[in-house]
Amino acid sequence: MTIESIEIEMDITAALGQLDRAIETTLQQWGEPLRWAITAVDRETNIAQIEAIIIKE
């Protein structure tokens, strides 16, 4: 098991009602999310910058 820090960009337009679920589902592609935070949002493109700590098996 390893712990890794990642940064991703994600379009949040379609996920506004369930943004937390959409982010966690996206992060699971890399491992189990331990914690995450939205660090920036581009209002023109609705792209969010997300920093996360994940656990990889």
C-alpha atoms as a PDB file:
ATOM      1  CA  MET A   1       0.000   0.000   0.000  1.00  0.00           C
ATOM      2  CA  THR A   2       1.319   3.465  -0.903  1.00  0.00           C
ATOM      3  CA  ILE A   3       0.046   6.987  -0.370  1.00  0.00           C
ATOM      4  CA  GLU A   4       0.280   9.381  -3.287  1.00  0.00           C
ATOM      5  CA  SER A   5      -0.531  13.048  -3.898  1.00  0.00           C
ATOM      6  CA  ILE A   6      -2.185  13.850  -7.237  1.00  0.00           C
ATOM      7  CA  GLU A   7      -3.609  16.884  -9.011  1.00  0.00           C
ATOM      8  CA  ILE A   8      -6.358  16.581 -11.613  1.00  0.00           C
ATOM      9  CA  GLU A   9      -8.576  18.895 -13.630  1.00  0.00           C
ATOM     10  CA  MET A  10     -12.256  18.094 -13.983  1.00  0.00           C
ATOM     11  CA  ASP A  11     -15.200  19.642 -15.815  1.00  0.00           C
ATOM     12  CA  ILE A  12     -17.783  20.344 -13.120  1.00  0.00           C
ATOM     13  CA  THR A  13     -20.638  21.540 -15.341  1.00  0.00           C
ATOM     14  CA  ALA A  14     -22.609  18.268 -15.346  1.00  0.00           C
ATOM     15  CA  ALA A  15     -21.886  17.440 -11.705  1.00  0.00           C
ATOM     16  CA  LEU A  16     -23.052  20.565  -9.891  1.00  0.00           C
ATOM     17  CA  GLY A  17     -25.830  18.769  -8.007  1.00  0.00           C
ATOM     18  CA  GLN A  18     -23.610  15.921  -6.825  1.00  0.00           C
ATOM     19  CA  LEU A  19     -20.134  17.363  -7.120  1.00  0.00           C
ATOM     20  CA  ASP A  20     -18.623  15.468  -4.178  1.00  0.00           C
ATOM     21  CA  ARG A  21     -19.736  12.099  -5.581  1.00  0.00           C
ATOM     22  CA  ALA A  22     -18.466  12.941  -9.059  1.00  0.00           C
ATOM     23  CA  ILE A  23     -15.048  13.955  -7.703  1.00  0.00           C
ATOM     24  CA  GLU A  24     -14.702  10.815  -5.572  1.00  0.00           C
ATOM     25  CA  THR A  25     -15.741   8.597  -8.490  1.00  0.00           C
ATOM     26  CA  THR A  26     -13.171  10.272 -10.740  1.00  0.00           C
ATOM     27  CA  LEU A  27     -10.421   9.944  -8.118  1.00  0.00           C
ATOM     28  CA  GLN A  28     -11.073   6.222  -7.708  1.00  0.00           C
ATOM     29  CA  GLN A  29      -9.455   5.727 -11.115  1.00  0.00           C
ATOM     30  CA  TRP A  30      -6.110   6.295  -9.344  1.00  0.00           C
ATOM     31  CA  GLY A  31      -6.879   4.658  -5.980  1.00  0.00           C
ATOM     32  CA  GLU A  32      -8.926   5.130  -2.804  1.00  0.00           C
ATOM     33  CA  PRO A  33      -9.309   8.865  -2.014  1.00  0.00           C
ATOM     34  CA  LEU A  34      -8.159   9.681   1.517  1.00  0.00           C
ATOM     35  CA  ARG A  35      -8.848  13.400   1.230  1.00  0.00           C
ATOM     36  CA  TRP A  36      -9.305  15.932  -1.544  1.00  0.00           C
ATOM     37  CA  ALA A  37      -9.842  19.661  -2.056  1.00  0.00           C
ATOM     38  CA  ILE A  38     -10.934  21.929  -4.875  1.00  0.00           C
ATOM     39  CA  THR A  39      -8.099  24.440  -5.113  1.00  0.00           C
ATOM     40  CA  ALA A  40      -9.241  26.538  -8.101  1.00  0.00           C
ATOM     41  CA  VAL A  41     -12.126  26.911 -10.551  1.00  0.00           C
ATOM     42  CA  ASP A  42     -11.970  28.563 -13.964  1.00  0.00           C
ATOM     43  CA  ARG A  43     -15.376  30.228 -14.244  1.00  0.00           C
ATOM     44  CA  GLU A  44     -15.187  30.579 -18.021  1.00  0.00           C
ATOM     45  CA  THR A  45     -14.620  26.870 -18.724  1.00  0.00           C
ATOM     46  CA  ASN A  46     -16.027  25.355 -15.475  1.00  0.00           C
ATOM     47  CA  ILE A  47     -12.825  23.368 -15.015  1.00  0.00           C
ATOM     48  CA  ALA A  48     -11.896  22.678 -11.385  1.00  0.00           C
ATOM     49  CA  GLN A  49      -8.373  21.984 -10.138  1.00  0.00           C
ATOM     50  CA  ILE A  50      -8.486  19.221  -7.528  1.00  0.00           C
ATOM     51  CA  GLU A  51      -5.649  18.133  -5.242  1.00  0.00           C
ATOM     52  CA  ALA A  52      -6.017  14.734  -3.571  1.00  0.00           C
ATOM     53  CA  ILE A  53      -4.247  12.201  -1.389  1.00  0.00           C
ATOM     54  CA  ILE A  54      -4.990   8.653  -2.514  1.00  0.00           C
ATOM     55  CA  ILE A  55      -4.130   5.197  -1.240  1.00  0.00           C
ATOM     56  CA  LYS A  56      -2.907   2.713  -3.852  1.00  0.00           C
ATOM     57  CA  GLU A  57      -2.975  -1.021  -3.189  1.00  0.00           C
END
